[in-house]
Amino acid sequence: MNSHADHINHSAASPSSRAEDKTHTLEHGAHIGEKASQTPVYNVNLQTDPAKPTANAATQLAITVTEQAAGDTIKEFELVHEKPMHLIIVRDDLSYFEHLHLKPQNGVFTTSYSFPSPGAYKLWVDVKPKGGRQFLTAFRLHVEGQPLHKRIPLAVDNQFTKAVMNGQYRVSLALPSELGIHHGANLKFSIADVNGNPITDLQPMLGAKAHAIIISEGVRDFLHVHPQEEVSSSWRGGPDAIFHAQFPKAGLYKTWVQFQHHDKTITADFVVQVK
């Protein structure tokens, strides 16, 4: 699925986190182009315990979604790529990435999370209230602790085949001759074993052949893309997954692709230049 952002109201946040200036609504089926007045507007609240998270210590994250007009907590959600909520956590220099799936209990999504190092993080929440629109909202979070994280500058990869999972797999990215902002681009990911043999018994990853997330340098732009072809739970195949992406502006982007094989999630990342 291709992602495209529309502006909606931003959410309230706890003292330890704040909502970004922009909150985005994803294009989703019949909701494309509909008037805002036809569907509810939602707020998302993120609370942390302790209020100031510390690296390498458990932090309780609690996320609620409320209907803005009435203030009622939403308790029923539709599945988005087989899950009621996706929570994506990255460092602000994109050197760290995690993709979690949360389930609500009486309208509250909770998880205990340990941030690996101190510094600035950004969290994206992807959710769809029952009968409402799928939307994406983001929070910035500062994590206390020592030693301070040394920022890692983002640089374009010069190798587009990477060994991952301690060398058990090789993941490759094939790009068009040039990535531009005026037209979409197909990104082809392929996975092989340690000897370079294509993996042909992949399992579905969130209802598709694979899953990919793309984030711009500066963590401003977020693209949540899936292969256009969805697959059944019994599907087995590979080694390729093609994603169509529309980049909103020029610059550096980091993409993470995830495959599922033998009940393991294999993640690889690449940095690309969009002109």
C-alpha atoms as a PDB file:
ATOM      1  CA  MET A   1       0.000   0.000   0.000  1.00  0.00           C
ATOM      2  CA  ASN A   2       1.332   3.448  -0.829  1.00  0.00           C
ATOM      3  CA  SER A   3       1.169   6.146   1.843  1.00  0.00           C
ATOM      4  CA  HIS A   4       0.120   9.753   1.369  1.00  0.00           C
ATOM      5  CA  ALA A   5      -0.379  12.350   4.091  1.00  0.00           C
ATOM      6  CA  ASP A   6      -3.305  14.702   4.738  1.00  0.00           C
ATOM      7  CA  HIS A   7      -3.272  17.263   7.588  1.00  0.00           C
ATOM      8  CA  ILE A   8      -5.536  16.737  10.605  1.00  0.00           C
ATOM      9  CA  ASN A   9      -5.531  18.099  14.149  1.00  0.00           C
ATOM     10  CA  HIS A  10      -2.675  17.052  16.406  1.00  0.00           C
ATOM     11  CA  SER A  11      -3.085  15.207  19.657  1.00  0.00           C
ATOM     12  CA  ALA A  12      -2.500  16.050  23.290  1.00  0.00           C
ATOM     13  CA  ALA A  13       0.534  14.497  24.951  1.00  0.00           C
ATOM     14  CA  SER A  14       1.932  13.803  28.400  1.00  0.00           C
ATOM     15  CA  PRO A  15       4.617  16.083  29.908  1.00  0.00           C
ATOM     16  CA  SER A  16       7.279  13.559  28.908  1.00  0.00           C
ATOM     17  CA  SER A  17       6.302  13.583  25.259  1.00  0.00           C
ATOM     18  CA  ARG A  18       4.801  15.989  22.793  1.00  0.00           C
ATOM     19  CA  ALA A  19       2.882  15.591  19.588  1.00  0.00           C
ATOM     20  CA  GLU A  20       4.554  16.712  16.395  1.00  0.00           C
ATOM     21  CA  ASP A  21       3.278  19.897  14.755  1.00  0.00           C
ATOM     22  CA  LYS A  22       1.833  17.709  12.041  1.00  0.00           C
ATOM     23  CA  THR A  23      -0.312  14.631  12.350  1.00  0.00           C
ATOM     24  CA  HIS A  24      -1.117  12.731   9.197  1.00  0.00           C
ATOM     25  CA  THR A  25      -4.004  10.683   7.911  1.00  0.00           C
ATOM     26  CA  LEU A  26      -3.119   7.887   5.535  1.00  0.00           C
ATOM     27  CA  GLU A  27      -4.988   7.306   2.310  1.00  0.00           C
ATOM     28  CA  HIS A  28      -7.113   4.252   2.897  1.00  0.00           C
ATOM     29  CA  GLY A  29      -9.618   2.924   0.397  1.00  0.00           C
ATOM     30  CA  ALA A  30     -12.914   4.841   0.295  1.00  0.00           C
ATOM     31  CA  HIS A  31     -11.596   7.474   2.685  1.00  0.00           C
ATOM     32  CA  ILE A  32      -9.430   9.053  -0.002  1.00  0.00           C
ATOM     33  CA  GLY A  33     -10.637  12.572  -0.673  1.00  0.00           C
ATOM     34  CA  GLU A  34     -13.616  12.503   1.685  1.00  0.00           C
ATOM     35  CA  LYS A  35     -14.515  15.602   3.649  1.00  0.00           C
ATOM     36  CA  ALA A  36     -13.175  15.850   7.191  1.00  0.00           C
ATOM     37  CA  SER A  37     -16.683  16.583   8.509  1.00  0.00           C
ATOM     38  CA  GLN A  38     -17.885  13.156   7.400  1.00  0.00           C
ATOM     39  CA  THR A  39     -15.717  11.258   9.864  1.00  0.00           C
ATOM     40  CA  PRO A  40     -14.605  11.879  13.458  1.00  0.00           C
ATOM     41  CA  VAL A  41     -11.336  13.572  14.351  1.00  0.00           C
ATOM     42  CA  TYR A  42      -9.219  11.814  16.968  1.00  0.00           C
ATOM     43  CA  ASN A  43      -6.635  12.747  19.569  1.00  0.00           C
ATOM     44  CA  VAL A  44      -3.855  10.378  20.618  1.00  0.00           C
ATOM     45  CA  ASN A  45      -2.278  10.557  24.067  1.00  0.00           C
ATOM     46  CA  LEU A  46       1.030   8.957  25.037  1.00  0.00           C
ATOM     47  CA  GLN A  47       1.872   8.620  28.725  1.00  0.00           C
ATOM     48  CA  THR A  48       5.125   7.293  30.151  1.00  0.00           C
ATOM     49  CA  ASP A  49       5.901   5.841  33.573  1.00  0.00           C
ATOM     50  CA  PRO A  50       8.278   7.113  34.796  1.00  0.00           C
ATOM     51  CA  ALA A  51       7.546  10.560  33.384  1.00  0.00           C
ATOM     52  CA  LYS A  52      11.204  10.868  32.344  1.00  0.00           C
ATOM     53  CA  PRO A  53      12.298   7.588  30.753  1.00  0.00           C
ATOM     54  CA  THR A  54      15.829   6.371  31.462  1.00  0.00           C
ATOM     55  CA  ALA A  55      17.897   4.266  29.065  1.00  0.00           C
ATOM     56  CA  ASN A  56      18.206   0.535  29.792  1.00  0.00           C
ATOM     57  CA  ALA A  57      15.369   0.653  32.325  1.00  0.00           C
ATOM     58  CA  ALA A  58      11.772  -0.417  31.814  1.00  0.00           C
ATOM     59  CA  THR A  59       9.401   2.377  30.787  1.00  0.00           C
ATOM     60  CA  GLN A  60       5.661   1.770  30.678  1.00  0.00           C
ATOM     61  CA  LEU A  61       4.113   3.269  27.565  1.00  0.00           C
ATOM     62  CA  ALA A  62       0.339   3.805  27.553  1.00  0.00           C
ATOM     63  CA  ILE A  63      -1.452   5.042  24.438  1.00  0.00           C
ATOM     64  CA  THR A  64      -5.095   6.065  24.199  1.00  0.00           C
ATOM     65  CA  VAL A  65      -7.179   7.362  21.314  1.00  0.00           C
ATOM     66  CA  THR A  66     -10.101   9.702  21.991  1.00  0.00           C
ATOM     67  CA  GLU A  67     -12.802  11.160  19.780  1.00  0.00           C
ATOM     68  CA  GLN A  68     -12.003  14.870  19.742  1.00  0.00           C
ATOM     69  CA  ALA A  69     -15.516  16.298  19.894  1.00  0.00           C
ATOM     70  CA  ALA A  70     -16.874  14.159  22.747  1.00  0.00           C
ATOM     71  CA  GLY A  71     -13.619  13.216  24.438  1.00  0.00           C
ATOM     72  CA  ASP A  72     -14.661   9.564  24.651  1.00  0.00           C
ATOM     73  CA  THR A  73     -11.934   6.912  24.711  1.00  0.00           C
ATOM     74  CA  ILE A  74     -12.093   4.689  21.651  1.00  0.00           C
ATOM     75  CA  LYS A  75     -12.250   1.007  22.618  1.00  0.00           C
ATOM     76  CA  GLU A  76     -12.807  -0.733  19.283  1.00  0.00           C
ATOM     77  CA  PHE A  77     -10.289  -0.765  16.449  1.00  0.00           C
ATOM     78  CA  GLU A  78     -10.015  -2.280  13.012  1.00  0.00           C
ATOM     79  CA  LEU A  79      -6.968  -4.252  11.965  1.00  0.00           C
ATOM     80  CA  VAL A  80      -4.344  -2.404   9.925  1.00  0.00           C
ATOM     81  CA  HIS A  81      -2.143  -4.961   8.174  1.00  0.00           C
ATOM     82  CA  GLU A  82      -3.374  -7.632  10.583  1.00  0.00           C
ATOM     83  CA  LYS A  83      -2.708  -5.590  13.769  1.00  0.00           C
ATOM     84  CA  PRO A  84      -4.817  -3.114  15.808  1.00  0.00           C
ATOM     85  CA  MET A  85      -1.863  -0.779  16.360  1.00  0.00           C
ATOM     86  CA  HIS A  86       1.628  -0.361  14.923  1.00  0.00           C
ATOM     87  CA  LEU A  87       4.177   1.486  17.058  1.00  0.00           C
ATOM     88  CA  ILE A  88       7.418   2.482  15.319  1.00  0.00           C
ATOM     89  CA  ILE A  89      10.310   3.757  17.431  1.00  0.00           C
ATOM     90  CA  VAL A  90      13.432   5.394  15.958  1.00  0.00           C
ATOM     91  CA  ARG A  91      16.304   7.501  17.221  1.00  0.00           C
ATOM     92  CA  ASP A  92      16.303  10.991  15.755  1.00  0.00           C
ATOM     93  CA  ASP A  93      19.457  10.148  13.760  1.00  0.00           C
ATOM     94  CA  LEU A  94      17.776   6.933  12.460  1.00  0.00           C
ATOM     95  CA  SER A  95      20.520   4.748  13.951  1.00  0.00           C
ATOM     96  CA  TYR A  96      17.937   2.702  15.881  1.00  0.00           C
ATOM     97  CA  PHE A  97      14.622   1.210  14.738  1.00  0.00           C
ATOM     98  CA  GLU A  98      11.941  -1.000  16.225  1.00  0.00           C
ATOM     99  CA  HIS A  99       8.463  -1.937  15.014  1.00  0.00           C
ATOM    100  CA  LEU A 100       6.034  -3.140  17.704  1.00  0.00           C
ATOM    101  CA  HIS A 101       2.437  -4.368  17.590  1.00  0.00           C
ATOM    102  CA  LEU A 102       0.182  -3.467  20.511  1.00  0.00           C
ATOM    103  CA  LYS A 103      -3.243  -4.744  21.576  1.00  0.00           C
ATOM    104  CA  PRO A 104      -5.771  -2.649  23.519  1.00  0.00           C
ATOM    105  CA  GLN A 105      -7.195  -3.507  26.907  1.00  0.00           C
ATOM    106  CA  ASN A 106     -10.326  -1.471  27.583  1.00  0.00           C
ATOM    107  CA  GLY A 107      -9.110   1.125  25.092  1.00  0.00           C
ATOM    108  CA  VAL A 108      -5.537   1.427  26.396  1.00  0.00           C
ATOM    109  CA  PHE A 109      -2.540   0.146  24.431  1.00  0.00           C
ATOM    110  CA  THR A 110       0.328  -0.624  26.819  1.00  0.00           C
ATOM    111  CA  THR A 111       3.807  -2.043  26.636  1.00  0.00           C
ATOM    112  CA  SER A 112       6.929  -2.139  28.799  1.00  0.00           C
ATOM    113  CA  TYR A 113       9.855  -0.845  26.772  1.00  0.00           C
ATOM    114  CA  SER A 114      13.558  -0.357  27.431  1.00  0.00           C
ATOM    115  CA  PHE A 115      15.224   2.320  25.324  1.00  0.00           C
ATOM    116  CA  PRO A 116      18.759   1.166  24.450  1.00  0.00           C
ATOM    117  CA  SER A 117      20.551   4.482  24.974  1.00  0.00           C
ATOM    118  CA  PRO A 118      19.810   8.062  26.078  1.00  0.00           C
ATOM    119  CA  GLY A 119      18.850  10.841  23.700  1.00  0.00           C
ATOM    120  CA  ALA A 120      16.051  11.907  21.392  1.00  0.00           C
ATOM    121  CA  TYR A 121      13.558   9.445  19.913  1.00  0.00           C
ATOM    122  CA  LYS A 122      10.514   9.696  17.707  1.00  0.00           C
ATOM    123  CA  LEU A 123       7.516   7.388  18.029  1.00  0.00           C
ATOM    124  CA  TRP A 124       4.851   6.891  15.379  1.00  0.00           C
ATOM    125  CA  VAL A 125       1.420   5.419  16.144  1.00  0.00           C
ATOM    126  CA  ASP A 126      -0.530   3.882  13.243  1.00  0.00           C
ATOM    127  CA  VAL A 127      -4.126   2.964  14.072  1.00  0.00           C
ATOM    128  CA  LYS A 128      -7.687   2.838  12.719  1.00  0.00           C
ATOM    129  CA  PRO A 129     -10.694   3.266  15.058  1.00  0.00           C
ATOM    130  CA  LYS A 130     -13.681   1.126  14.150  1.00  0.00           C
ATOM    131  CA  GLY A 131     -15.720   2.946  11.511  1.00  0.00           C
ATOM    132  CA  GLY A 132     -13.165   5.754  11.335  1.00  0.00           C
ATOM    133  CA  ARG A 133     -10.110   6.599   9.294  1.00  0.00           C
ATOM    134  CA  GLN A 134      -6.656   5.131   9.573  1.00  0.00           C
ATOM    135  CA  PHE A 135      -4.219   7.778  10.745  1.00  0.00           C
ATOM    136  CA  LEU A 136      -0.624   8.232  11.775  1.00  0.00           C
ATOM    137  CA  THR A 137       0.513  10.472  14.622  1.00  0.00           C
ATOM    138  CA  ALA A 138       4.003  11.114  16.000  1.00  0.00           C
ATOM    139  CA  PHE A 139       5.613  11.996  19.335  1.00  0.00           C
ATOM    140  CA  ARG A 140       9.095  13.113  20.278  1.00  0.00           C
ATOM    141  CA  LEU A 141      10.530  11.660  23.469  1.00  0.00           C
ATOM    142  CA  HIS A 142      13.726  12.421  25.376  1.00  0.00           C
ATOM    143  CA  VAL A 143      15.387   9.545  27.212  1.00  0.00           C
ATOM    144  CA  GLU A 144      17.687  10.276  30.161  1.00  0.00           C
ATOM    145  CA  GLY A 145      20.923   8.481  30.994  1.00  0.00           C
ATOM    146  CA  GLN A 146      24.647   8.153  30.459  1.00  0.00           C
ATOM    147  CA  PRO A 147      26.808   7.971  28.432  1.00  0.00           C
ATOM    148  CA  LEU A 148      25.329  10.412  25.946  1.00  0.00           C
ATOM    149  CA  HIS A 149      24.590   9.026  22.510  1.00  0.00           C
ATOM    150  CA  LYS A 150      27.006  10.164  19.790  1.00  0.00           C
ATOM    151  CA  ARG A 151      24.971  10.985  16.715  1.00  0.00           C
ATOM    152  CA  ILE A 152      25.713   8.901  13.631  1.00  0.00           C
ATOM    153  CA  PRO A 153      25.575  10.969  10.409  1.00  0.00           C
ATOM    154  CA  LEU A 154      23.301   9.533   7.729  1.00  0.00           C
ATOM    155  CA  ALA A 155      25.192   8.555   4.565  1.00  0.00           C
ATOM    156  CA  VAL A 156      24.089   6.957   1.299  1.00  0.00           C
ATOM    157  CA  ASP A 157      24.926   3.263   1.111  1.00  0.00           C
ATOM    158  CA  ASN A 158      27.449   2.247  -1.502  1.00  0.00           C
ATOM    159  CA  GLN A 159      26.613  -1.447  -1.115  1.00  0.00           C
ATOM    160  CA  PHE A 160      23.052  -2.594  -1.669  1.00  0.00           C
ATOM    161  CA  THR A 161      23.511  -6.175  -0.488  1.00  0.00           C
ATOM    162  CA  LYS A 162      23.819  -6.641   3.258  1.00  0.00           C
ATOM    163  CA  ALA A 163      24.425  -9.615   5.530  1.00  0.00           C
ATOM    164  CA  VAL A 164      21.939  -9.694   8.414  1.00  0.00           C
ATOM    165  CA  MET A 165      20.987 -11.974  11.314  1.00  0.00           C
ATOM    166  CA  ASN A 166      24.661 -12.734  12.057  1.00  0.00           C
ATOM    167  CA  GLY A 167      25.307 -13.523   8.420  1.00  0.00           C
ATOM    168  CA  GLN A 168      22.489 -16.044   8.070  1.00  0.00           C
ATOM    169  CA  TYR A 169      20.772 -14.009   5.342  1.00  0.00           C
ATOM    170  CA  ARG A 170      21.688 -11.600   2.565  1.00  0.00           C
ATOM    171  CA  VAL A 171      19.194  -8.878   1.664  1.00  0.00           C
ATOM    172  CA  SER A 172      19.564  -6.842  -1.533  1.00  0.00           C
ATOM    173  CA  LEU A 173      17.922  -3.667  -2.793  1.00  0.00           C
ATOM    174  CA  ALA A 174      17.559  -2.902  -6.498  1.00  0.00           C
ATOM    175  CA  LEU A 175      16.780   0.745  -7.331  1.00  0.00           C
ATOM    176  CA  PRO A 176      15.774   2.580 -10.506  1.00  0.00           C
ATOM    177  CA  SER A 177      18.558   4.546 -12.175  1.00  0.00           C
ATOM    178  CA  GLU A 178      17.446   7.677 -10.312  1.00  0.00           C
ATOM    179  CA  LEU A 179      15.053   8.337  -7.426  1.00  0.00           C
ATOM    180  CA  GLY A 180      13.061  11.538  -7.926  1.00  0.00           C
ATOM    181  CA  ILE A 181      10.210  13.383  -6.264  1.00  0.00           C
ATOM    182  CA  HIS A 182       8.097  13.914  -9.372  1.00  0.00           C
ATOM    183  CA  HIS A 183       7.194  10.289  -9.971  1.00  0.00           C
ATOM    184  CA  GLY A 184       6.878   7.087  -7.988  1.00  0.00           C
ATOM    185  CA  ALA A 185       9.652   4.520  -7.784  1.00  0.00           C
ATOM    186  CA  ASN A 186       9.682   0.747  -7.435  1.00  0.00           C
ATOM    187  CA  LEU A 187      12.051  -0.614  -4.800  1.00  0.00           C
ATOM    188  CA  LYS A 188      12.854  -4.305  -5.235  1.00  0.00           C
ATOM    189  CA  PHE A 189      14.108  -6.185  -2.199  1.00  0.00           C
ATOM    190  CA  SER A 190      15.436  -9.742  -2.450  1.00  0.00           C
ATOM    191  CA  ILE A 191      16.508 -12.208   0.219  1.00  0.00           C
ATOM    192  CA  ALA A 192      18.974 -15.097   0.018  1.00  0.00           C
ATOM    193  CA  ASP A 193      20.695 -17.466   2.419  1.00  0.00           C
ATOM    194  CA  VAL A 194      24.315 -17.248   3.535  1.00  0.00           C
ATOM    195  CA  ASN A 195      25.439 -18.950   0.328  1.00  0.00           C
ATOM    196  CA  GLY A 196      23.465 -16.604  -1.912  1.00  0.00           C
ATOM    197  CA  ASN A 197      20.681 -19.101  -2.663  1.00  0.00           C
ATOM    198  CA  PRO A 198      17.302 -17.336  -3.043  1.00  0.00           C
ATOM    199  CA  ILE A 199      14.842 -17.908  -0.183  1.00  0.00           C
ATOM    200  CA  THR A 200      11.648 -19.304  -1.734  1.00  0.00           C
ATOM    201  CA  ASP A 201       9.732 -20.392   1.370  1.00  0.00           C
ATOM    202  CA  LEU A 202       9.102 -17.021   2.986  1.00  0.00           C
ATOM    203  CA  GLN A 203       6.047 -16.655   5.223  1.00  0.00           C
ATOM    204  CA  PRO A 204       3.595 -13.736   5.032  1.00  0.00           C
ATOM    205  CA  MET A 205       4.730 -10.590   6.821  1.00  0.00           C
ATOM    206  CA  LEU A 206       1.672  -8.666   8.031  1.00  0.00           C
ATOM    207  CA  GLY A 207      -0.436 -10.123   5.216  1.00  0.00           C
ATOM    208  CA  ALA A 208       2.094  -9.358   2.473  1.00  0.00           C
ATOM    209  CA  LYS A 209       5.317 -10.715   1.008  1.00  0.00           C
ATOM    210  CA  ALA A 210       7.317  -8.269   3.122  1.00  0.00           C
ATOM    211  CA  HIS A 211       6.966  -5.006   4.988  1.00  0.00           C
ATOM    212  CA  ALA A 212       8.831  -1.729   4.582  1.00  0.00           C
ATOM    213  CA  ILE A 213       9.064   1.633   6.302  1.00  0.00           C
ATOM    214  CA  ILE A 214      10.865   4.668   4.897  1.00  0.00           C
ATOM    215  CA  ILE A 215      11.799   7.748   6.967  1.00  0.00           C
ATOM    216  CA  SER A 216      13.528  10.924   5.844  1.00  0.00           C
ATOM    217  CA  GLU A 217      16.655  12.422   7.364  1.00  0.00           C
ATOM    218  CA  GLY A 218      15.549  14.647  10.234  1.00  0.00           C
ATOM    219  CA  VAL A 219      12.654  12.228  10.958  1.00  0.00           C
ATOM    220  CA  ARG A 220      10.061  14.497   9.354  1.00  0.00           C
ATOM    221  CA  ASP A 221       8.590  12.360   6.570  1.00  0.00           C
ATOM    222  CA  PHE A 222       7.277   8.838   7.125  1.00  0.00           C
ATOM    223  CA  LEU A 223       6.298   6.405   4.374  1.00  0.00           C
ATOM    224  CA  HIS A 224       4.646   3.142   5.459  1.00  0.00           C
ATOM    225  CA  VAL A 225       4.640   1.048   2.296  1.00  0.00           C
ATOM    226  CA  HIS A 226       3.656  -2.529   1.520  1.00  0.00           C
ATOM    227  CA  PRO A 227       3.846  -4.606  -1.637  1.00  0.00           C
ATOM    228  CA  GLN A 228       0.777  -3.960  -3.756  1.00  0.00           C
ATOM    229  CA  GLU A 229       0.057  -7.685  -3.753  1.00  0.00           C
ATOM    230  CA  GLU A 230      -1.335  -9.073  -0.514  1.00  0.00           C
ATOM    231  CA  VAL A 231      -1.013 -12.802   0.210  1.00  0.00           C
ATOM    232  CA  SER A 232      -2.964 -15.390   2.171  1.00  0.00           C
ATOM    233  CA  SER A 233      -1.807 -16.896   5.451  1.00  0.00           C
ATOM    234  CA  SER A 234      -0.871 -20.104   3.617  1.00  0.00           C
ATOM    235  CA  TRP A 235       1.391 -18.324   1.120  1.00  0.00           C
ATOM    236  CA  ARG A 236       4.997 -19.459   0.799  1.00  0.00           C
ATOM    237  CA  GLY A 237       7.280 -17.826  -1.720  1.00  0.00           C
ATOM    238  CA  GLY A 238      10.074 -15.388  -2.431  1.00  0.00           C
ATOM    239  CA  PRO A 239      12.710 -14.208  -2.837  1.00  0.00           C
ATOM    240  CA  ASP A 240      11.525 -10.805  -4.142  1.00  0.00           C
ATOM    241  CA  ALA A 241       9.195  -8.114  -2.828  1.00  0.00           C
ATOM    242  CA  ILE A 242       8.546  -4.931  -4.801  1.00  0.00           C
ATOM    243  CA  PHE A 243       7.351  -1.742  -3.109  1.00  0.00           C
ATOM    244  CA  HIS A 244       6.079   1.392  -4.822  1.00  0.00           C
ATOM    245  CA  ALA A 245       7.096   4.578  -3.020  1.00  0.00           C
ATOM    246  CA  GLN A 246       6.335   8.241  -3.648  1.00  0.00           C
ATOM    247  CA  PHE A 247       8.961  10.458  -2.044  1.00  0.00           C
ATOM    248  CA  PRO A 248       7.616  13.871  -0.939  1.00  0.00           C
ATOM    249  CA  LYS A 249      10.871  15.817  -1.215  1.00  0.00           C
ATOM    250  CA  ALA A 250      14.549  15.506  -2.099  1.00  0.00           C
ATOM    251  CA  GLY A 251      17.088  14.312   0.432  1.00  0.00           C
ATOM    252  CA  LEU A 252      18.310  11.231   2.261  1.00  0.00           C
ATOM    253  CA  TYR A 253      15.910   8.489   3.321  1.00  0.00           C
ATOM    254  CA  LYS A 254      16.449   5.350   5.359  1.00  0.00           C
ATOM    255  CA  THR A 255      14.355   2.311   4.552  1.00  0.00           C
ATOM    256  CA  TRP A 256      13.863  -0.806   6.643  1.00  0.00           C
ATOM    257  CA  VAL A 257      12.513  -3.971   5.021  1.00  0.00           C
ATOM    258  CA  GLN A 258      11.230  -6.950   6.999  1.00  0.00           C
ATOM    259  CA  PHE A 259      10.772 -10.529   5.801  1.00  0.00           C
ATOM    260  CA  GLN A 260       9.348 -13.485   7.722  1.00  0.00           C
ATOM    261  CA  HIS A 261      11.157 -16.850   7.472  1.00  0.00           C
ATOM    262  CA  HIS A 262      10.871 -19.885   9.744  1.00  0.00           C
ATOM    263  CA  ASP A 263       8.865 -17.715  12.172  1.00  0.00           C
ATOM    264  CA  LYS A 264      11.726 -15.214  12.419  1.00  0.00           C
ATOM    265  CA  THR A 265      11.581 -11.567  11.351  1.00  0.00           C
ATOM    266  CA  ILE A 266      14.581 -10.600   9.231  1.00  0.00           C
ATOM    267  CA  THR A 267      15.242  -6.839   9.076  1.00  0.00           C
ATOM    268  CA  ALA A 268      17.647  -4.984   6.801  1.00  0.00           C
ATOM    269  CA  ASP A 269      18.152  -1.255   6.265  1.00  0.00           C
ATOM    270  CA  PHE A 270      19.446   0.925   3.436  1.00  0.00           C
ATOM    271  CA  VAL A 271      20.028   4.662   2.958  1.00  0.00           C
ATOM    272  CA  VAL A 272      19.109   6.145  -0.420  1.00  0.00           C
ATOM    273  CA  GLN A 273      19.352   9.577  -2.059  1.00  0.00           C
ATOM    274  CA  VAL A 274      16.259  11.181  -3.603  1.00  0.00           C
ATOM    275  CA  LYS A 275      16.900  14.030  -6.050  1.00  0.00           C
END
